[in-house]
mmCIF file of all heavy atoms, coordinates in Angstrom:
data_MODEL
# 
_entry.id   MODEL 
# 
loop_
_atom_site.group_PDB 
_atom_site.id 
_atom_site.type_symbol 
_atom_site.label_atom_id 
_atom_site.label_alt_id 
_atom_site.label_comp_id 
_atom_site.label_asym_id 
_atom_site.label_entity_id 
_atom_site.label_seq_id 
_atom_site.pdbx_PDB_ins_code 
_atom_site.Cartn_x 
_atom_site.Cartn_y 
_atom_site.Cartn_z 
_atom_site.occupancy 
_atom_site.B_iso_or_equiv 
_atom_site.pdbx_formal_charge 
_atom_site.auth_seq_id 
_atom_site.auth_comp_id 
_atom_site.auth_asym_id 
_atom_site.auth_atom_id 
_atom_site.pdbx_PDB_model_num 
ATOM 1   N N   . ILE A 1 1  ? 114.873 -6.032  72.441 1.00 0.00 ? 1  ILE A N   1 
ATOM 2   C CA  . ILE A 1 1  ? 114.776 -7.556  72.461 1.00 0.00 ? 1  ILE A CA  1 
ATOM 3   C C   . ILE A 1 1  ? 114.469 -7.759  73.830 1.00 0.00 ? 1  ILE A C   1 
ATOM 4   O O   . ILE A 1 1  ? 115.287 -7.466  74.903 1.00 0.00 ? 1  ILE A O   1 
ATOM 5   C CB  . ILE A 1 1  ? 116.128 -8.229  72.058 1.00 0.00 ? 1  ILE A CB  1 
ATOM 6   C CG1 . ILE A 1 1  ? 116.675 -7.681  70.760 1.00 0.00 ? 1  ILE A CG1 1 
ATOM 7   C CG2 . ILE A 1 1  ? 116.012 -9.764  72.106 1.00 0.00 ? 1  ILE A CG2 1 
ATOM 8   C CD1 . ILE A 1 1  ? 115.804 -7.944  69.630 1.00 0.00 ? 1  ILE A CD1 1 
ATOM 9   N N   . ILE A 1 2  ? 113.306 -8.314  74.210 1.00 0.00 ? 2  ILE A N   1 
ATOM 10  C CA  . ILE A 1 2  ? 112.796 -8.510  75.509 1.00 0.00 ? 2  ILE A CA  1 
ATOM 11  C C   . ILE A 1 2  ? 112.325 -10.079 75.688 1.00 0.00 ? 2  ILE A C   1 
ATOM 12  O O   . ILE A 1 2  ? 112.188 -10.905 74.796 1.00 0.00 ? 2  ILE A O   1 
ATOM 13  C CB  . ILE A 1 2  ? 111.764 -7.734  75.812 1.00 0.00 ? 2  ILE A CB  1 
ATOM 14  C CG1 . ILE A 1 2  ? 110.383 -7.987  74.942 1.00 0.00 ? 2  ILE A CG1 1 
ATOM 15  C CG2 . ILE A 1 2  ? 112.130 -6.216  75.752 1.00 0.00 ? 2  ILE A CG2 1 
ATOM 16  C CD1 . ILE A 1 2  ? 109.198 -7.300  75.341 1.00 0.00 ? 2  ILE A CD1 1 
ATOM 17  N N   . LYS A 1 3  ? 112.143 -10.384 76.981 1.00 0.00 ? 3  LYS A N   1 
ATOM 18  C CA  . LYS A 1 3  ? 111.608 -11.649 77.247 1.00 0.00 ? 3  LYS A CA  1 
ATOM 19  C C   . LYS A 1 3  ? 110.125 -11.700 76.938 1.00 0.00 ? 3  LYS A C   1 
ATOM 20  O O   . LYS A 1 3  ? 109.321 -10.808 77.062 1.00 0.00 ? 3  LYS A O   1 
ATOM 21  C CB  . LYS A 1 3  ? 111.705 -11.896 78.780 1.00 0.00 ? 3  LYS A CB  1 
ATOM 22  C CG  . LYS A 1 3  ? 113.193 -12.070 79.309 1.00 0.00 ? 3  LYS A CG  1 
ATOM 23  C CD  . LYS A 1 3  ? 113.243 -12.233 80.780 1.00 0.00 ? 3  LYS A CD  1 
ATOM 24  C CE  . LYS A 1 3  ? 114.622 -12.570 81.256 1.00 0.00 ? 3  LYS A CE  1 
ATOM 25  N NZ  . LYS A 1 3  ? 114.693 -12.863 82.561 1.00 0.00 ? 3  LYS A NZ  1 
ATOM 26  N N   . PRO A 1 4  ? 109.717 -12.930 76.340 1.00 0.00 ? 4  PRO A N   1 
ATOM 27  C CA  . PRO A 1 4  ? 108.361 -12.951 75.826 1.00 0.00 ? 4  PRO A CA  1 
ATOM 28  C C   . PRO A 1 4  ? 107.143 -12.587 76.904 1.00 0.00 ? 4  PRO A C   1 
ATOM 29  O O   . PRO A 1 4  ? 106.256 -12.021 76.508 1.00 0.00 ? 4  PRO A O   1 
ATOM 30  C CB  . PRO A 1 4  ? 108.183 -14.371 75.320 1.00 0.00 ? 4  PRO A CB  1 
ATOM 31  C CG  . PRO A 1 4  ? 109.500 -14.717 75.131 1.00 0.00 ? 4  PRO A CG  1 
ATOM 32  C CD  . PRO A 1 4  ? 110.484 -14.128 76.006 1.00 0.00 ? 4  PRO A CD  1 
ATOM 33  N N   . PHE A 1 5  ? 107.314 -13.046 78.086 1.00 0.00 ? 5  PHE A N   1 
ATOM 34  C CA  . PHE A 1 5  ? 106.393 -12.819 79.126 1.00 0.00 ? 5  PHE A CA  1 
ATOM 35  C C   . PHE A 1 5  ? 106.307 -11.422 79.554 1.00 0.00 ? 5  PHE A C   1 
ATOM 36  O O   . PHE A 1 5  ? 105.213 -11.031 80.270 1.00 0.00 ? 5  PHE A O   1 
ATOM 37  C CB  . PHE A 1 5  ? 106.568 -13.710 80.309 1.00 0.00 ? 5  PHE A CB  1 
ATOM 38  C CG  . PHE A 1 5  ? 107.759 -13.470 81.111 1.00 0.00 ? 5  PHE A CG  1 
ATOM 39  C CD1 . PHE A 1 5  ? 107.648 -12.663 82.185 1.00 0.00 ? 5  PHE A CD1 1 
ATOM 40  C CD2 . PHE A 1 5  ? 108.905 -14.107 80.837 1.00 0.00 ? 5  PHE A CD2 1 
ATOM 41  C CE1 . PHE A 1 5  ? 108.870 -12.390 82.974 1.00 0.00 ? 5  PHE A CE1 1 
ATOM 42  C CE2 . PHE A 1 5  ? 110.039 -13.956 81.620 1.00 0.00 ? 5  PHE A CE2 1 
ATOM 43  C CZ  . PHE A 1 5  ? 110.017 -12.983 82.722 1.00 0.00 ? 5  PHE A CZ  1 
ATOM 44  N N   . LYS A 1 6  ? 107.186 -10.599 79.094 1.00 0.00 ? 6  LYS A N   1 
ATOM 45  C CA  . LYS A 1 6  ? 107.098 -9.092  79.488 1.00 0.00 ? 6  LYS A CA  1 
ATOM 46  C C   . LYS A 1 6  ? 106.529 -8.225  78.456 1.00 0.00 ? 6  LYS A C   1 
ATOM 47  O O   . LYS A 1 6  ? 106.312 -7.117  78.699 1.00 0.00 ? 6  LYS A O   1 
ATOM 48  C CB  . LYS A 1 6  ? 108.610 -8.597  79.770 1.00 0.00 ? 6  LYS A CB  1 
ATOM 49  C CG  . LYS A 1 6  ? 109.148 -9.254  80.980 1.00 0.00 ? 6  LYS A CG  1 
ATOM 50  C CD  . LYS A 1 6  ? 108.581 -8.560  82.172 1.00 0.00 ? 6  LYS A CD  1 
ATOM 51  C CE  . LYS A 1 6  ? 109.391 -8.621  83.377 1.00 0.00 ? 6  LYS A CE  1 
ATOM 52  N NZ  . LYS A 1 6  ? 108.851 -7.843  84.474 1.00 0.00 ? 6  LYS A NZ  1 
ATOM 53  N N   . LEU A 1 7  ? 105.948 -8.825  77.276 1.00 0.00 ? 7  LEU A N   1 
ATOM 54  C CA  . LEU A 1 7  ? 105.510 -8.093  76.224 1.00 0.00 ? 7  LEU A CA  1 
ATOM 55  C C   . LEU A 1 7  ? 104.396 -7.208  76.632 1.00 0.00 ? 7  LEU A C   1 
ATOM 56  O O   . LEU A 1 7  ? 104.227 -6.005  76.308 1.00 0.00 ? 7  LEU A O   1 
ATOM 57  C CB  . LEU A 1 7  ? 105.071 -9.033  75.017 1.00 0.00 ? 7  LEU A CB  1 
ATOM 58  C CG  . LEU A 1 7  ? 104.365 -8.315  73.893 1.00 0.00 ? 7  LEU A CG  1 
ATOM 59  C CD1 . LEU A 1 7  ? 105.339 -7.240  73.145 1.00 0.00 ? 7  LEU A CD1 1 
ATOM 60  C CD2 . LEU A 1 7  ? 104.007 -9.282  72.865 1.00 0.00 ? 7  LEU A CD2 1 
ATOM 61  N N   . ASP A 1 8  ? 103.380 -7.692  77.321 1.00 0.00 ? 8  ASP A N   1 
ATOM 62  C CA  . ASP A 1 8  ? 102.165 -6.922  77.834 1.00 0.00 ? 8  ASP A CA  1 
ATOM 63  C C   . ASP A 1 8  ? 102.521 -5.689  78.720 1.00 0.00 ? 8  ASP A C   1 
ATOM 64  O O   . ASP A 1 8  ? 102.053 -4.526  78.513 1.00 0.00 ? 8  ASP A O   1 
ATOM 65  C CB  . ASP A 1 8  ? 101.174 -7.735  78.373 1.00 0.00 ? 8  ASP A CB  1 
ATOM 66  C CG  . ASP A 1 8  ? 100.369 -8.623  77.371 1.00 0.00 ? 8  ASP A CG  1 
ATOM 67  O OD1 . ASP A 1 8  ? 100.425 -8.301  76.338 1.00 0.00 ? 8  ASP A OD1 1 
ATOM 68  O OD2 . ASP A 1 8  ? 99.951  -9.665  77.835 1.00 0.00 ? 8  ASP A OD2 1 
ATOM 69  N N   . GLU A 1 9  ? 103.501 -6.027  79.558 1.00 0.00 ? 9  GLU A N   1 
ATOM 70  C CA  . GLU A 1 9  ? 103.892 -4.871  80.448 1.00 0.00 ? 9  GLU A CA  1 
ATOM 71  C C   . GLU A 1 9  ? 104.623 -3.802  79.671 1.00 0.00 ? 9  GLU A C   1 
ATOM 72  O O   . GLU A 1 9  ? 104.474 -2.652  79.943 1.00 0.00 ? 9  GLU A O   1 
ATOM 73  C CB  . GLU A 1 9  ? 104.900 -5.423  81.516 1.00 0.00 ? 9  GLU A CB  1 
ATOM 74  C CG  . GLU A 1 9  ? 104.130 -6.330  82.502 1.00 0.00 ? 9  GLU A CG  1 
ATOM 75  C CD  . GLU A 1 9  ? 105.102 -7.008  83.513 1.00 0.00 ? 9  GLU A CD  1 
ATOM 76  O OE1 . GLU A 1 9  ? 106.036 -6.175  83.993 1.00 0.00 ? 9  GLU A OE1 1 
ATOM 77  O OE2 . GLU A 1 9  ? 105.125 -8.169  83.747 1.00 0.00 ? 9  GLU A OE2 1 
ATOM 78  N N   . VAL A 1 10 ? 105.504 -4.235  78.789 1.00 0.00 ? 10 VAL A N   1 
ATOM 79  C CA  . VAL A 1 10 ? 106.221 -3.149  77.949 1.00 0.00 ? 10 VAL A CA  1 
ATOM 80  C C   . VAL A 1 10 ? 105.266 -2.446  77.041 1.00 0.00 ? 10 VAL A C   1 
ATOM 81  O O   . VAL A 1 10 ? 105.419 -1.132  76.922 1.00 0.00 ? 10 VAL A O   1 
ATOM 82  C CB  . VAL A 1 10 ? 107.382 -3.835  77.068 1.00 0.00 ? 10 VAL A CB  1 
ATOM 83  C CG1 . VAL A 1 10 ? 107.886 -2.938  76.080 1.00 0.00 ? 10 VAL A CG1 1 
ATOM 84  C CG2 . VAL A 1 10 ? 108.398 -4.461  78.016 1.00 0.00 ? 10 VAL A CG2 1 
ATOM 85  N N   . ARG A 1 11 ? 104.236 -3.159  76.445 1.00 0.00 ? 11 ARG A N   1 
ATOM 86  C CA  . ARG A 1 11 ? 103.351 -2.403  75.528 1.00 0.00 ? 11 ARG A CA  1 
ATOM 87  C C   . ARG A 1 11 ? 102.500 -1.358  76.357 1.00 0.00 ? 11 ARG A C   1 
ATOM 88  O O   . ARG A 1 11 ? 102.336 -0.362  75.963 1.00 0.00 ? 11 ARG A O   1 
ATOM 89  C CB  . ARG A 1 11 ? 102.393 -3.459  74.939 1.00 0.00 ? 11 ARG A CB  1 
ATOM 90  C CG  . ARG A 1 11 ? 101.371 -2.817  74.008 1.00 0.00 ? 11 ARG A CG  1 
ATOM 91  C CD  . ARG A 1 11 ? 100.288 -3.827  73.618 1.00 0.00 ? 11 ARG A CD  1 
ATOM 92  N NE  . ARG A 1 11 ? 99.652  -4.442  74.687 1.00 0.00 ? 11 ARG A NE  1 
ATOM 93  C CZ  . ARG A 1 11 ? 98.678  -3.920  75.363 1.00 0.00 ? 11 ARG A CZ  1 
ATOM 94  N NH1 . ARG A 1 11 ? 98.239  -2.717  75.197 1.00 0.00 ? 11 ARG A NH1 1 
ATOM 95  N NH2 . ARG A 1 11 ? 98.099  -4.661  76.358 1.00 0.00 ? 11 ARG A NH2 1 
ATOM 96  N N   . GLU A 1 12 ? 102.030 -1.807  77.670 1.00 0.00 ? 12 GLU A N   1 
ATOM 97  C CA  . GLU A 1 12 ? 101.356 -0.881  78.426 1.00 0.00 ? 12 GLU A CA  1 
ATOM 98  C C   . GLU A 1 12 ? 102.276 0.304   78.783 1.00 0.00 ? 12 GLU A C   1 
ATOM 99  O O   . GLU A 1 12 ? 101.680 1.485   78.955 1.00 0.00 ? 12 GLU A O   1 
ATOM 100 C CB  . GLU A 1 12 ? 100.895 -1.539  79.620 1.00 0.00 ? 12 GLU A CB  1 
ATOM 101 C CG  . GLU A 1 12 ? 99.705  -2.525  79.283 1.00 0.00 ? 12 GLU A CG  1 
ATOM 102 C CD  . GLU A 1 12 ? 99.272  -3.341  80.591 1.00 0.00 ? 12 GLU A CD  1 
ATOM 103 O OE1 . GLU A 1 12 ? 99.614  -3.069  81.725 1.00 0.00 ? 12 GLU A OE1 1 
ATOM 104 O OE2 . GLU A 1 12 ? 98.602  -4.310  80.306 1.00 0.00 ? 12 GLU A OE2 1 
ATOM 105 N N   . ALA A 1 13 ? 103.445 0.096   79.237 1.00 0.00 ? 13 ALA A N   1 
ATOM 106 C CA  . ALA A 1 13 ? 104.332 1.168   79.589 1.00 0.00 ? 13 ALA A CA  1 
ATOM 107 C C   . ALA A 1 13 ? 104.500 2.138   78.366 1.00 0.00 ? 13 ALA A C   1 
ATOM 108 O O   . ALA A 1 13 ? 104.574 3.305   78.635 1.00 0.00 ? 13 ALA A O   1 
ATOM 109 C CB  . ALA A 1 13 ? 105.750 0.606   79.956 1.00 0.00 ? 13 ALA A CB  1 
ATOM 110 N N   . LEU A 1 14 ? 104.690 1.607   77.217 1.00 0.00 ? 14 LEU A N   1 
ATOM 111 C CA  . LEU A 1 14 ? 104.883 2.524   76.065 1.00 0.00 ? 14 LEU A CA  1 
ATOM 112 C C   . LEU A 1 14 ? 103.631 3.230   75.747 1.00 0.00 ? 14 LEU A C   1 
ATOM 113 O O   . LEU A 1 14 ? 103.654 4.479   75.338 1.00 0.00 ? 14 LEU A O   1 
ATOM 114 C CB  . LEU A 1 14 ? 105.254 1.661   74.763 1.00 0.00 ? 14 LEU A CB  1 
ATOM 115 C CG  . LEU A 1 14 ? 106.699 1.215   74.827 1.00 0.00 ? 14 LEU A CG  1 
ATOM 116 C CD1 . LEU A 1 14 ? 106.854 0.087   73.652 1.00 0.00 ? 14 LEU A CD1 1 
ATOM 117 C CD2 . LEU A 1 14 ? 107.615 2.249   74.656 1.00 0.00 ? 14 LEU A CD2 1 
ATOM 118 N N   . SER A 1 15 ? 102.402 2.687   75.964 1.00 0.00 ? 15 SER A N   1 
ATOM 119 C CA  . SER A 1 15 ? 101.272 3.356   75.741 1.00 0.00 ? 15 SER A CA  1 
ATOM 120 C C   . SER A 1 15 ? 101.021 4.459   76.745 1.00 0.00 ? 15 SER A C   1 
ATOM 121 O O   . SER A 1 15 ? 100.532 5.598   76.459 1.00 0.00 ? 15 SER A O   1 
ATOM 122 C CB  . SER A 1 15 ? 100.002 2.329   75.884 1.00 0.00 ? 15 SER A CB  1 
ATOM 123 O OG  . SER A 1 15 ? 98.730  2.945   75.777 1.00 0.00 ? 15 SER A OG  1 
ATOM 124 N N   . ASP A 1 16 ? 101.483 4.219   78.056 1.00 0.00 ? 16 ASP A N   1 
ATOM 125 C CA  . ASP A 1 16 ? 101.476 5.232   79.079 1.00 0.00 ? 16 ASP A CA  1 
ATOM 126 C C   . ASP A 1 16 ? 102.140 6.634   78.810 1.00 0.00 ? 16 ASP A C   1 
ATOM 127 O O   . ASP A 1 16 ? 101.938 7.550   79.161 1.00 0.00 ? 16 ASP A O   1 
ATOM 128 C CB  . ASP A 1 16 ? 101.827 4.627   80.387 1.00 0.00 ? 16 ASP A CB  1 
ATOM 129 C CG  . ASP A 1 16 ? 100.894 3.654   81.008 1.00 0.00 ? 16 ASP A CG  1 
ATOM 130 O OD1 . ASP A 1 16 ? 99.658  3.580   80.438 1.00 0.00 ? 16 ASP A OD1 1 
ATOM 131 O OD2 . ASP A 1 16 ? 101.303 2.895   81.863 1.00 0.00 ? 16 ASP A OD2 1 
ATOM 132 N N   . VAL A 1 17 ? 103.259 6.319   77.899 1.00 0.00 ? 17 VAL A N   1 
ATOM 133 C CA  . VAL A 1 17 ? 104.105 7.564   77.576 1.00 0.00 ? 17 VAL A CA  1 
ATOM 134 C C   . VAL A 1 17 ? 103.706 8.041   76.132 1.00 0.00 ? 17 VAL A C   1 
ATOM 135 O O   . VAL A 1 17 ? 104.494 8.896   75.641 1.00 0.00 ? 17 VAL A O   1 
ATOM 136 C CB  . VAL A 1 17 ? 105.643 7.221   77.715 1.00 0.00 ? 17 VAL A CB  1 
ATOM 137 C CG1 . VAL A 1 17 ? 106.062 7.071   79.026 1.00 0.00 ? 17 VAL A CG1 1 
ATOM 138 C CG2 . VAL A 1 17 ? 105.971 6.184   76.698 1.00 0.00 ? 17 VAL A CG2 1 
ATOM 139 N N   . GLY A 1 18 ? 102.630 7.577   75.537 1.00 0.00 ? 18 GLY A N   1 
ATOM 140 C CA  . GLY A 1 18 ? 102.194 8.201   74.389 1.00 0.00 ? 18 GLY A CA  1 
ATOM 141 C C   . GLY A 1 18 ? 102.556 7.398   73.091 1.00 0.00 ? 18 GLY A C   1 
ATOM 142 O O   . GLY A 1 18 ? 102.351 7.960   72.038 1.00 0.00 ? 18 GLY A O   1 
ATOM 143 N N   . ILE A 1 19 ? 103.134 6.275   73.253 1.00 0.00 ? 19 ILE A N   1 
ATOM 144 C CA  . ILE A 1 19 ? 103.589 5.548   71.937 1.00 0.00 ? 19 ILE A CA  1 
ATOM 145 C C   . ILE A 1 19 ? 102.503 4.654   71.590 1.00 0.00 ? 19 ILE A C   1 
ATOM 146 O O   . ILE A 1 19 ? 102.051 3.796   72.317 1.00 0.00 ? 19 ILE A O   1 
ATOM 147 C CB  . ILE A 1 19 ? 104.809 4.652   72.280 1.00 0.00 ? 19 ILE A CB  1 
ATOM 148 C CG1 . ILE A 1 19 ? 106.072 5.504   72.935 1.00 0.00 ? 19 ILE A CG1 1 
ATOM 149 C CG2 . ILE A 1 19 ? 105.273 3.956   71.008 1.00 0.00 ? 19 ILE A CG2 1 
ATOM 150 C CD1 . ILE A 1 19 ? 106.536 6.619   72.061 1.00 0.00 ? 19 ILE A CD1 1 
ATOM 151 N N   . THR A 1 20 ? 101.823 4.911   70.402 1.00 0.00 ? 20 THR A N   1 
ATOM 152 C CA  . THR A 1 20 ? 100.610 4.193   70.020 1.00 0.00 ? 20 THR A CA  1 
ATOM 153 C C   . THR A 1 20 ? 100.822 3.128   68.974 1.00 0.00 ? 20 THR A C   1 
ATOM 154 O O   . THR A 1 20 ? 99.950  2.354   68.962 1.00 0.00 ? 20 THR A O   1 
ATOM 155 C CB  . THR A 1 20 ? 99.660  5.268   69.372 1.00 0.00 ? 20 THR A CB  1 
ATOM 156 O OG1 . THR A 1 20 ? 100.182 5.867   68.317 1.00 0.00 ? 20 THR A OG1 1 
ATOM 157 C CG2 . THR A 1 20 ? 99.151  6.343   70.401 1.00 0.00 ? 20 THR A CG2 1 
ATOM 158 N N   . GLY A 1 21 ? 102.074 3.054   68.207 1.00 0.00 ? 21 GLY A N   1 
ATOM 159 C CA  . GLY A 1 21 ? 102.203 2.024   67.324 1.00 0.00 ? 21 GLY A CA  1 
ATOM 160 C C   . GLY A 1 21 ? 103.480 1.359   67.508 1.00 0.00 ? 21 GLY A C   1 
ATOM 161 O O   . GLY A 1 21 ? 104.492 1.857   67.844 1.00 0.00 ? 21 GLY A O   1 
ATOM 162 N N   . LEU A 1 22 ? 103.600 0.052   67.454 1.00 0.00 ? 22 LEU A N   1 
ATOM 163 C CA  . LEU A 1 22 ? 104.753 -0.763  67.400 1.00 0.00 ? 22 LEU A CA  1 
ATOM 164 C C   . LEU A 1 22 ? 104.635 -2.041  66.625 1.00 0.00 ? 22 LEU A C   1 
ATOM 165 O O   . LEU A 1 22 ? 103.539 -2.450  66.245 1.00 0.00 ? 22 LEU A O   1 
ATOM 166 C CB  . LEU A 1 22 ? 105.057 -0.978  68.850 1.00 0.00 ? 22 LEU A CB  1 
ATOM 167 C CG  . LEU A 1 22 ? 104.140 -1.870  69.639 1.00 0.00 ? 22 LEU A CG  1 
ATOM 168 C CD1 . LEU A 1 22 ? 104.381 -3.289  69.692 1.00 0.00 ? 22 LEU A CD1 1 
ATOM 169 C CD2 . LEU A 1 22 ? 104.232 -1.325  71.162 1.00 0.00 ? 22 LEU A CD2 1 
ATOM 170 N N   . THR A 1 23 ? 105.823 -2.509  66.259 1.00 0.00 ? 23 THR A N   1 
ATOM 171 C CA  . THR A 1 23 ? 105.754 -3.742  65.455 1.00 0.00 ? 23 THR A CA  1 
ATOM 172 C C   . THR A 1 23 ? 106.467 -4.882  66.517 1.00 0.00 ? 23 THR A C   1 
ATOM 173 O O   . THR A 1 23 ? 107.393 -4.603  67.044 1.00 0.00 ? 23 THR A O   1 
ATOM 174 C CB  . THR A 1 23 ? 106.658 -3.731  64.300 1.00 0.00 ? 23 THR A CB  1 
ATOM 175 O OG1 . THR A 1 23 ? 106.000 -2.685  63.411 1.00 0.00 ? 23 THR A OG1 1 
ATOM 176 C CG2 . THR A 1 23 ? 106.699 -4.955  63.419 1.00 0.00 ? 23 THR A CG2 1 
ATOM 177 N N   . VAL A 1 24 ? 105.855 -6.058  66.512 1.00 0.00 ? 24 VAL A N   1 
ATOM 178 C CA  . VAL A 1 24 ? 106.373 -7.100  67.429 1.00 0.00 ? 24 VAL A CA  1 
ATOM 179 C C   . VAL A 1 24 ? 106.594 -8.393  66.657 1.00 0.00 ? 24 VAL A C   1 
ATOM 180 O O   . VAL A 1 24 ? 105.963 -8.680  65.625 1.00 0.00 ? 24 VAL A O   1 
ATOM 181 C CB  . VAL A 1 24 ? 105.277 -7.494  68.417 1.00 0.00 ? 24 VAL A CB  1 
ATOM 182 C CG1 . VAL A 1 24 ? 105.753 -8.669  69.247 1.00 0.00 ? 24 VAL A CG1 1 
ATOM 183 C CG2 . VAL A 1 24 ? 105.095 -6.362  69.337 1.00 0.00 ? 24 VAL A CG2 1 
ATOM 184 N N   . THR A 1 25 ? 107.885 -8.838  66.686 1.00 0.00 ? 25 THR A N   1 
ATOM 185 C CA  . THR A 1 25 ? 108.391 -10.047 66.000 1.00 0.00 ? 25 THR A CA  1 
ATOM 186 C C   . THR A 1 25 ? 108.846 -11.108 66.984 1.00 0.00 ? 25 THR A C   1 
ATOM 187 O O   . THR A 1 25 ? 109.591 -10.762 68.000 1.00 0.00 ? 25 THR A O   1 
ATOM 188 C CB  . THR A 1 25 ? 109.522 -9.706  65.058 1.00 0.00 ? 25 THR A CB  1 
ATOM 189 O OG1 . THR A 1 25 ? 109.133 -8.506  64.291 1.00 0.00 ? 25 THR A OG1 1 
ATOM 190 C CG2 . THR A 1 25 ? 109.870 -10.767 64.102 1.00 0.00 ? 25 THR A CG2 1 
ATOM 191 N N   . GLU A 1 26 ? 108.506 -12.509 66.886 1.00 0.00 ? 26 GLU A N   1 
ATOM 192 C CA  . GLU A 1 26 ? 109.060 -13.523 67.638 1.00 0.00 ? 26 GLU A CA  1 
ATOM 193 C C   . GLU A 1 26 ? 110.335 -13.882 67.028 1.00 0.00 ? 26 GLU A C   1 
ATOM 194 O O   . GLU A 1 26 ? 110.431 -14.030 65.771 1.00 0.00 ? 26 GLU A O   1 
ATOM 195 C CB  . GLU A 1 26 ? 108.068 -14.605 67.595 1.00 0.00 ? 26 GLU A CB  1 
ATOM 196 C CG  . GLU A 1 26 ? 106.915 -14.448 68.365 1.00 0.00 ? 26 GLU A CG  1 
ATOM 197 C CD  . GLU A 1 26 ? 105.966 -15.640 68.347 1.00 0.00 ? 26 GLU A CD  1 
ATOM 198 O OE1 . GLU A 1 26 ? 106.350 -16.702 67.928 1.00 0.00 ? 26 GLU A OE1 1 
ATOM 199 O OE2 . GLU A 1 26 ? 104.781 -15.500 68.662 1.00 0.00 ? 26 GLU A OE2 1 
ATOM 200 N N   . VAL A 1 27 ? 111.402 -13.771 67.804 1.00 0.00 ? 27 VAL A N   1 
ATOM 201 C CA  . VAL A 1 27 ? 112.798 -14.049 67.382 1.00 0.00 ? 27 VAL A CA  1 
ATOM 202 C C   . VAL A 1 27 ? 113.499 -14.981 68.364 1.00 0.00 ? 27 VAL A C   1 
ATOM 203 O O   . VAL A 1 27 ? 112.869 -15.405 69.473 1.00 0.00 ? 27 VAL A O   1 
ATOM 204 C CB  . VAL A 1 27 ? 113.711 -12.756 67.255 1.00 0.00 ? 27 VAL A CB  1 
ATOM 205 C CG1 . VAL A 1 27 ? 113.107 -11.757 66.203 1.00 0.00 ? 27 VAL A CG1 1 
ATOM 206 C CG2 . VAL A 1 27 ? 113.696 -12.076 68.654 1.00 0.00 ? 27 VAL A CG2 1 
# 
């Protein structure tokens, strides 16, 4: 559960460690 404005940074960080798929939900 993260702050909305941090989504792109988190996605890029996950991509950098080889995580290619994720699901995102607004809560």
